[in-house]
Protein backbone atom coordinates (compact mmCIF):
# COMPACT_ATOMS: atom_id res chain seq x y z
CA UNK A 1 -30.08 -25.06 -19.96
CA UNK A 2 -27.73 -23.16 -22.27
CA UNK A 3 -23.77 -23.82 -22.96
CA UNK A 4 -21.38 -22.35 -20.01
CA UNK A 5 -18.81 -20.18 -21.02
CA UNK A 6 -16.04 -18.46 -19.24
CA UNK A 7 -13.51 -15.39 -20.21
CA UNK A 8 -9.92 -16.66 -19.14
CA UNK A 9 -6.94 -14.26 -18.33
CA UNK A 10 -3.34 -15.74 -18.32
CA UNK A 11 -2.50 -14.36 -14.74
CA UNK A 12 0.85 -14.09 -15.33
CA UNK A 13 -0.19 -11.75 -19.01
CA UNK A 14 -3.12 -10.17 -18.96
CA UNK A 15 -3.28 -9.82 -22.42
CA UNK A 16 -3.55 -13.28 -23.17
CA UNK A 17 -6.96 -14.22 -22.68
CA UNK A 18 -8.94 -17.48 -23.95
CA UNK A 19 -12.82 -18.58 -23.69
CA UNK A 20 -13.51 -22.00 -21.91
CA UNK A 21 -16.02 -24.06 -21.43
CA UNK A 22 -14.34 -26.87 -20.46
CA UNK A 23 -15.93 -25.83 -17.09
CA UNK A 24 -18.92 -28.14 -17.43
CA UNK A 25 -18.61 -31.84 -16.11
CA UNK A 26 -21.03 -33.72 -18.57
CA UNK A 27 -22.58 -32.24 -21.76
CA UNK A 28 -25.96 -33.18 -23.14
CA UNK A 29 -25.57 -34.28 -26.79
CA UNK A 30 -26.50 -30.48 -28.27
CA UNK A 31 -23.81 -29.34 -26.27
CA UNK A 32 -25.44 -27.60 -23.22
CA UNK A 33 -24.63 -28.43 -19.46
CA UNK A 34 -25.82 -30.60 -17.04
CA UNK A 35 -25.23 -29.44 -13.76
CA UNK A 36 -26.10 -31.52 -10.63
CA UNK A 37 -27.16 -29.22 -7.51
CA UNK A 38 -26.01 -30.58 -4.40
CA UNK A 39 -28.18 -29.77 -1.64
CA UNK A 40 -29.02 -26.06 -0.89
CA UNK A 41 -27.12 -25.38 -3.72
CA UNK A 42 -28.19 -22.82 -6.91
CA UNK A 43 -27.14 -22.56 -10.25
CA UNK A 44 -27.39 -18.61 -11.70
CA UNK A 45 -27.14 -18.02 -15.36
CA UNK A 46 -25.56 -14.74 -15.41
CA UNK A 47 -27.61 -12.32 -17.70
CA UNK A 48 -25.86 -9.61 -18.11
CA UNK A 49 -22.41 -7.45 -16.79
CA UNK A 50 -20.27 -4.44 -17.05
CA UNK A 51 -16.73 -4.41 -18.55
CA UNK A 52 -14.59 -1.59 -17.56
CA UNK A 53 -11.64 -0.64 -16.13
CA UNK A 54 -12.45 -1.54 -12.81
CA UNK A 55 -12.31 -4.96 -13.88
CA UNK A 56 -8.87 -4.62 -15.43
CA UNK A 57 -8.24 -3.23 -11.24
CA UNK A 58 -9.27 -6.69 -10.17
CA UNK A 59 -6.83 -8.47 -12.60
CA UNK A 60 -3.74 -6.29 -11.97
CA UNK A 61 -4.37 -6.72 -7.82
CA UNK A 62 -6.16 -10.52 -8.57
CA UNK A 63 -3.06 -12.04 -6.52
CA UNK A 64 -2.02 -9.10 -3.83
CA UNK A 65 -6.51 -8.03 -2.96
CA UNK A 66 -7.29 -12.10 -3.70
CA UNK A 67 -9.30 -11.41 -6.31
CA UNK A 68 -8.70 -14.53 -8.54
CA UNK A 69 -9.91 -16.45 -5.46
CA UNK A 70 -13.48 -15.66 -6.12
CA UNK A 71 -13.96 -17.84 -9.24
CA UNK A 72 -10.78 -19.42 -10.30
CA UNK A 73 -8.61 -21.69 -11.13
CA UNK A 74 -10.91 -21.40 -14.37
CA UNK A 75 -12.77 -24.64 -15.67
CA UNK A 76 -15.14 -25.08 -12.62
CA UNK A 77 -18.40 -24.19 -12.71
CA UNK A 78 -19.10 -26.12 -9.33
CA UNK A 79 -16.57 -24.37 -7.67
CA UNK A 80 -14.63 -27.59 -5.99
CA UNK A 81 -11.04 -27.40 -5.40
CA UNK A 82 -8.50 -25.14 -4.43
CA UNK A 83 -9.14 -21.66 -5.58
CA UNK A 84 -6.59 -19.37 -7.30
CA UNK A 85 -3.58 -21.93 -8.06
CA UNK A 86 -4.40 -22.09 -11.62
CA UNK A 87 -2.55 -20.35 -14.58
CA UNK A 88 -5.53 -19.27 -15.79
CA UNK A 89 -8.12 -16.99 -13.82
CA UNK A 90 -11.80 -15.62 -14.09
CA UNK A 91 -11.47 -11.89 -13.36
CA UNK A 92 -15.01 -10.56 -11.44
CA UNK A 93 -17.73 -8.52 -12.55
CA UNK A 94 -20.81 -6.96 -11.47
CA UNK A 95 -24.52 -7.56 -13.09
CA UNK A 96 -27.19 -8.92 -13.12
CA UNK A 97 -28.69 -13.13 -12.80
CA UNK A 98 -31.42 -15.38 -12.69
CA UNK A 99 -31.85 -18.70 -10.71
CA UNK A 100 -31.45 -21.31 -13.45
CA UNK A 101 -32.00 -24.16 -11.21
CA UNK A 102 -32.48 -24.09 -7.00
CA UNK A 103 -32.33 -26.44 -3.96
CA UNK A 104 -32.35 -24.12 -2.01
CA UNK A 105 -36.21 -23.83 -0.35
CA UNK A 106 -35.84 -20.04 0.50
CA UNK A 107 -34.49 -19.32 -3.41
CA UNK A 108 -36.87 -19.63 -6.19
CA UNK A 109 -36.22 -20.66 -9.31
CA UNK A 110 -36.20 -17.27 -12.05
CA UNK A 111 -35.91 -14.73 -9.27
CA UNK A 112 -33.25 -12.00 -10.15
CA UNK A 113 -30.75 -10.61 -8.35
CA UNK A 114 -27.52 -8.31 -8.85
CA UNK A 115 -24.02 -8.74 -7.23
CA UNK A 116 -20.27 -9.91 -7.94
CA UNK A 117 -20.32 -12.81 -10.54
CA UNK A 118 -17.26 -14.67 -12.78
CA UNK A 119 -17.00 -12.88 -16.29
CA UNK A 120 -19.31 -15.67 -18.25
CA UNK A 121 -22.64 -17.34 -18.05
CA UNK A 122 -23.21 -19.22 -14.87
CA UNK A 123 -22.16 -19.80 -11.18
CA UNK A 124 -23.01 -22.18 -8.57
CA UNK A 125 -23.16 -20.89 -5.33
CA UNK A 126 -24.30 -22.33 -1.73
CA UNK A 127 -26.74 -19.48 -0.28
CA UNK A 128 -26.35 -18.66 3.56
CA UNK A 129 -28.33 -16.18 5.58
CA UNK A 130 -31.00 -16.30 3.22
CA UNK A 131 -33.57 -13.29 3.77
CA UNK A 132 -36.10 -11.68 1.50
CA UNK A 133 -33.75 -9.07 0.52
CA UNK A 134 -30.91 -11.62 -0.83
CA UNK A 135 -28.57 -14.08 0.51
CA UNK A 136 -24.61 -14.77 0.77
CA UNK A 137 -22.33 -17.15 -0.94
CA UNK A 138 -21.21 -19.34 1.52
CA UNK A 139 -19.48 -21.49 -0.71
CA UNK A 140 -16.04 -22.88 1.68
CA UNK A 141 -13.66 -20.91 -0.97
CA UNK A 142 -14.79 -17.57 -0.59
CA UNK A 143 -15.48 -18.01 3.25
CA UNK A 144 -12.52 -15.40 4.22
CA UNK A 145 -12.84 -12.79 1.31
CA UNK A 146 -14.77 -9.28 2.07
CA UNK A 147 -18.68 -10.15 2.57
CA UNK A 148 -19.26 -7.33 0.62
CA UNK A 149 -18.45 -9.12 -3.01
CA UNK A 150 -19.97 -12.39 -1.39
CA UNK A 151 -23.38 -10.55 -0.77
CA UNK A 152 -26.37 -11.13 -3.84
CA UNK A 153 -29.70 -8.42 -3.60
CA UNK A 154 -32.83 -9.73 -4.55
CA UNK A 155 -33.77 -6.70 -7.25
CA UNK A 156 -37.97 -7.52 -6.30
CA UNK A 157 -36.21 -5.98 -2.49
CA UNK A 158 -33.25 -3.52 -3.98
CA UNK A 159 -34.32 -0.06 -3.25
CA UNK A 160 -31.42 0.75 -5.65
CA UNK A 161 -32.84 -1.19 -8.54
CA UNK A 162 -34.39 0.34 -11.52
CA UNK A 163 -36.03 -2.45 -14.50
CA UNK A 164 -35.29 0.26 -16.79
CA UNK A 165 -31.50 0.78 -16.12
CA UNK A 166 -29.90 -1.69 -15.55
CA UNK A 167 -27.18 -1.58 -18.11
CA UNK A 168 -26.19 1.53 -16.00
CA UNK A 169 -26.22 0.09 -12.70
CA UNK A 170 -23.90 -2.86 -13.76
CA UNK A 171 -21.50 -0.01 -15.19
CA UNK A 172 -21.94 2.28 -12.39
CA UNK A 173 -23.11 0.82 -9.01
CA UNK A 174 -19.84 -0.89 -8.12
CA UNK A 175 -18.00 1.85 -9.12
CA UNK A 176 -20.34 4.77 -7.27
CA UNK A 177 -19.78 2.53 -4.02
CA UNK A 178 -16.25 2.38 -3.94
CA UNK A 179 -16.13 6.32 -5.07
CA UNK A 180 -19.03 7.07 -2.03
CA UNK A 181 -16.71 5.52 0.51
CA UNK A 182 -13.69 7.06 -1.04
CA UNK A 183 -15.07 10.34 -0.61
CA UNK A 184 -16.78 9.56 3.07
CA UNK A 185 -13.11 8.27 4.08
CA UNK A 186 -11.46 11.48 3.01
CA UNK A 187 -14.50 13.13 4.92
CA UNK A 188 -14.21 11.15 7.82
CA UNK A 189 -10.20 12.17 7.97
CA UNK A 190 -11.00 16.02 7.18
CA UNK A 191 -9.54 15.39 3.93
CA UNK A 192 -6.20 15.47 5.32
CA UNK A 193 -6.49 19.23 5.72
CA UNK A 194 -6.08 19.48 1.95
CA UNK A 195 -7.85 22.66 0.33
CA UNK A 196 -7.98 20.14 -2.70
CA UNK A 197 -8.44 16.71 -4.04
CA UNK A 198 -6.31 15.43 -7.17
CA UNK A 199 -7.78 12.43 -9.05
CA UNK A 200 -5.93 10.89 -11.78
CA UNK A 201 -7.53 9.14 -14.31
CA UNK A 202 -9.75 11.28 -14.46
CA UNK A 203 -12.22 9.81 -17.36
CA UNK A 204 -12.75 6.34 -15.54
CA UNK A 205 -16.04 5.91 -13.83
CA UNK A 206 -14.84 5.71 -10.48
CA UNK A 207 -12.98 8.88 -10.83
CA UNK A 208 -15.60 11.14 -12.12
CA UNK A 209 -18.52 9.46 -9.36
CA UNK A 210 -15.95 10.74 -6.97
CA UNK A 211 -15.61 13.96 -8.32
CA UNK A 212 -19.59 14.11 -7.93
CA UNK A 213 -19.36 13.38 -4.62
CA UNK A 214 -16.86 15.75 -3.65
CA UNK A 215 -18.37 18.30 -5.95
CA UNK A 216 -21.88 17.70 -3.76
CA UNK A 217 -19.55 18.68 -0.88
CA UNK A 218 -17.93 22.19 -2.14
CA UNK A 219 -14.44 20.20 -1.87
CA UNK A 220 -12.79 21.48 -5.12
CA UNK A 221 -11.34 18.26 -7.48
CA UNK A 222 -8.11 19.18 -10.03
CA UNK A 223 -8.89 15.85 -12.98
CA UNK A 224 -5.86 14.66 -14.45
CA UNK A 225 -6.19 12.75 -17.91
CA UNK A 226 -5.17 12.13 -20.98
CA UNK A 227 -5.39 15.05 -24.01
CA UNK A 228 -7.69 13.27 -25.97
CA UNK A 229 -9.96 12.93 -23.33
CA UNK A 230 -10.07 16.68 -21.71
CA UNK A 231 -13.06 17.38 -23.90
CA UNK A 232 -15.41 14.63 -22.14
CA UNK A 233 -13.99 14.90 -18.95
CA UNK A 234 -14.50 18.72 -18.76
CA UNK A 235 -17.76 18.35 -20.19
CA UNK A 236 -18.78 16.10 -16.74
CA UNK A 237 -19.04 19.12 -14.77
CA UNK A 238 -17.53 18.19 -11.85
CA UNK A 239 -14.20 18.81 -12.15
CA UNK A 240 -13.46 22.56 -11.06
CA UNK A 241 -10.11 22.29 -13.75
CA UNK A 242 -8.72 19.53 -16.10
CA UNK A 243 -5.45 19.23 -16.22
CA UNK A 244 -3.07 16.79 -19.13
CA UNK A 245 -0.60 14.70 -17.64
CA UNK A 246 1.87 16.56 -19.05
CA UNK A 247 0.97 19.74 -17.14
CA UNK A 248 1.75 18.40 -13.82
CA UNK A 249 5.41 17.63 -14.91
CA UNK A 250 6.61 20.90 -14.05
CA UNK A 251 6.88 22.97 -10.65
CA UNK A 252 5.32 25.60 -12.47
CA UNK A 253 1.80 24.04 -12.35
CA UNK A 254 -0.39 26.15 -10.81
CA UNK A 255 -2.84 23.43 -9.44
CA UNK A 256 0.30 22.04 -7.79
CA UNK A 257 0.63 24.79 -5.69
CA UNK A 258 -2.49 24.84 -3.72
CA UNK A 259 -1.99 21.70 -0.45
CA UNK A 260 -3.30 18.66 -2.38
CA UNK A 261 -4.42 15.37 -1.24
CA UNK A 262 -3.62 12.74 -4.46
CA UNK A 263 -6.64 9.98 -5.00
CA UNK A 264 -4.73 7.53 -7.80
CA UNK A 265 -7.14 5.85 -10.01
CA UNK A 266 -4.29 5.08 -12.87
CA UNK A 267 -1.45 3.14 -10.59
CA UNK A 268 0.77 5.26 -12.93
CA UNK A 269 4.44 5.71 -11.42
CA UNK A 270 5.70 8.18 -13.64
CA UNK A 271 2.20 10.32 -13.07
CA UNK A 272 2.52 9.80 -9.19
CA UNK A 273 6.32 10.73 -9.26
CA UNK A 274 5.42 14.47 -10.98
CA UNK A 275 2.87 15.08 -8.07
CA UNK A 276 4.83 14.11 -5.44
CA UNK A 277 8.23 15.95 -6.98
CA UNK A 278 6.19 19.03 -8.09
CA UNK A 279 3.79 19.96 -5.30
CA UNK A 280 4.47 22.54 -2.98
CA UNK A 281 2.17 20.81 -0.44
CA UNK A 282 1.14 17.38 -0.58
CA UNK A 283 -1.11 16.02 2.62
CA UNK A 284 -2.05 12.87 1.23
CA UNK A 285 -1.92 10.03 -1.43
CA UNK A 286 -4.60 7.21 -1.82
CA UNK A 287 -3.44 4.83 -4.32
CA UNK A 288 -7.23 3.18 -5.72
CA UNK A 289 -6.93 1.94 -9.41
CA UNK A 290 -4.76 0.93 -12.07
CA UNK A 291 -6.11 2.07 -14.84
CA UNK A 292 -2.27 2.31 -16.56
CA UNK A 293 -1.43 -0.87 -15.42
CA UNK A 294 1.55 -1.46 -17.89
CA UNK A 295 3.29 1.76 -16.44
CA UNK A 296 6.96 0.89 -15.31
CA UNK A 297 7.98 0.97 -11.84
CA UNK A 298 8.68 4.59 -10.80
CA UNK A 299 10.66 6.15 -7.83
CA UNK A 300 10.42 4.40 -4.34
CA UNK A 301 12.12 7.14 -2.49
CA UNK A 302 9.38 9.89 -2.98
CA UNK A 303 9.40 12.99 -0.85
CA UNK A 304 6.22 13.37 0.51
CA UNK A 305 3.79 11.03 2.43
CA UNK A 306 4.14 7.61 1.26
CA UNK A 307 0.91 6.49 -0.87
CA UNK A 308 -1.58 4.52 1.27
CA UNK A 309 -3.93 1.81 -0.63
CA UNK A 310 -7.90 2.31 -0.55
CA UNK A 311 -9.60 -1.12 0.43
CA UNK A 312 -13.49 0.02 -0.31
CA UNK A 313 -14.45 -3.11 2.15
CA UNK A 314 -12.50 -1.67 5.14
CA UNK A 315 -14.44 1.81 5.09
CA UNK A 316 -17.46 -0.01 4.32
CA UNK A 317 -17.03 -2.54 7.44
CA UNK A 318 -16.62 0.36 9.56
CA UNK A 319 -19.52 2.60 8.71
CA UNK A 320 -21.89 -0.79 9.23
CA UNK A 321 -20.72 -0.60 12.66
CA UNK A 322 -21.67 3.16 12.42
CA UNK A 323 -24.35 3.31 10.38
CA UNK A 324 -25.17 -0.42 10.22
CA UNK A 325 -26.52 -2.30 7.22
CA UNK A 326 -29.57 -0.38 6.80
CA UNK A 327 -28.25 2.79 7.02
CA UNK A 328 -25.74 2.48 4.25
CA UNK A 329 -28.24 1.03 2.12
CA UNK A 330 -30.24 4.54 2.48
CA UNK A 331 -27.25 6.91 2.48
CA UNK A 332 -25.39 5.08 -0.16
CA UNK A 333 -29.36 5.09 -2.67
CA UNK A 334 -29.80 9.04 -1.56
CA UNK A 335 -26.45 9.83 -3.51
CA UNK A 336 -27.04 7.26 -6.09
CA UNK A 337 -30.30 9.04 -7.28
CA UNK A 338 -28.56 11.82 -8.38
CA UNK A 339 -25.44 10.87 -9.78
CA UNK A 340 -27.61 8.20 -11.94
CA UNK A 341 -29.71 11.07 -12.87
CA UNK A 342 -27.12 13.43 -14.48
CA UNK A 343 -24.80 10.88 -15.64
CA UNK A 344 -27.95 8.96 -17.95
CA UNK A 345 -27.45 11.84 -20.23
CA UNK A 346 -23.37 11.68 -20.36
CA UNK A 347 -22.59 7.97 -20.81
CA UNK A 348 -24.26 6.26 -23.44
CA UNK A 349 -25.24 2.03 -22.80
CA UNK A 350 -23.69 0.00 -25.61
CA UNK A 351 -24.60 -3.76 -24.86
CA UNK A 352 -22.69 -6.37 -26.82
CA UNK A 353 -23.82 -10.51 -26.76
CA UNK A 354 -21.61 -13.55 -26.04
CA UNK A 355 -18.23 -14.52 -25.22
CA UNK A 356 -16.25 -12.95 -28.35
CA UNK A 357 -17.73 -9.56 -27.22
CA UNK A 358 -17.13 -10.44 -23.43
CA UNK A 359 -12.97 -10.75 -24.72
CA UNK A 360 -13.12 -7.89 -27.13
CA UNK A 361 -14.38 -5.82 -24.30
CA UNK A 362 -11.77 -6.94 -21.84
CA UNK A 363 -8.75 -6.28 -24.41
CA UNK A 364 -9.71 -3.07 -25.34
CA UNK A 365 -10.58 -1.91 -21.16
CA UNK A 366 -7.22 -3.43 -20.42
CA UNK A 367 -4.96 -1.48 -23.36
CA UNK A 368 -6.89 1.90 -22.53
CA UNK A 369 -9.16 1.94 -26.12
CA UNK A 370 -12.48 2.07 -24.41
CA UNK A 371 -14.45 5.32 -25.13
CA UNK A 372 -14.77 6.68 -21.64
CA UNK A 373 -18.24 8.36 -23.18
CA UNK A 374 -19.36 4.44 -23.94
CA UNK A 375 -20.21 2.23 -21.17
CA UNK A 376 -20.03 -1.75 -22.40
CA UNK A 377 -22.34 -4.01 -20.91
CA UNK A 378 -21.91 -7.67 -21.87
CA UNK A 379 -25.32 -10.04 -22.40
CA UNK A 380 -24.72 -13.66 -22.36
C-alpha cells in the first residue's frame, strides 16, 4: 500500500499549509500505511484530481457552507471523531480514485470511481445505496451534508466518462455542473427580466462554462476580468463583451446602462460596489464564488437588489424532483459533450505529481497566479 498523505490548510489563514502523514494509524516498516477496514468499509487510493479556483471557494466558505465537514480534521484517514473542529482542514477536490481495499460485497477491488475526495492520497468510506452505477458514502459525519457531494460514480457506467480525457473531466466537470445549474436557475426565473448577464472573474472555469451555456441560449454575456486576462477571455468566443474591472468603475460605462443580472464569481466587494452603484438598471445579484477571496469588506448599504447566494445542490435537488435523477444525468451530458469539444482546444491540461506539487498548485490558485489557459491535475 502506498504511503498516505494529505494537504492540510490552516482554517484561519488559508495561506498556511502543510503536508501531513499523521492520518496513518499504523505504519509498515517501509513507511507505507496499514489500515484495518470495518465491515462494509472501502479504502480508496485517490489517483488524480484537479486544483482550481473552485477549490479555493471551498476553503473560503469552508465554515459557512460546511465544506470542512467532509474530510476534516486533517489527519484521520479512518474519519473517526467529530469533524470540522480542527485548526487544520482538508480542501475537497474532484477527480478519480481506485478501490485499494474493499470489505463491501458490492464494491470490487480495483474499480474506478469519479467523485469528491480529500486533497490527498486516500479516503475511507462506508458505501450505502450501492448500485451498478455507484454508491453514496454513508459515513456518519457526512450524513447531514448535501447528497451531491456524497455520491460516487462508477466510471464503467458513467454516461459522461471518457477515459482519454480524465484530466478535463477532473478540471471541468464539477465546475460545468455548477455553471449548468446557474444557467438553469437563471432561466427558471426568466433571467429576472434582465437583458444581459454580467459575469465577474470571467477567466475562471466556472465563469466561462456559464458563458458557454448562456451563449447557447442566445443571452448576451458581459465578462469582467483583469487586464492581463482580457485576451484569453475574448479568445474563448462565448462573451459578447469583455471589460476590465477598472472599466466598470465609471457610471459612463455603456455596458452598465442595459438591464442586467450580475453573477459574481470573484467575491470582490469593490467590484460588486461598482456594479451596484454604476448600473442604470441592475435586476439581480447572484453570489457564486470567491476567486478574489482576500478582498476587503465592502459597502454594506448597496443600492439595488440585495445579493443572493447560489448553492448548486439546492437547484439540483429541485430539478431532481422535476426531471428525476436520470433526467439530470441526460441533460447535463447533452450540454457537457459540446462544451468539452470546444474547450479541449482552448485549455492545456498539465499533470503534476505528488504532495509538494499539490501544495504548490493550491497556493498558486489561492494567490491568483495560476494561468487561466492551463488546468492543473495532481496525480498522487
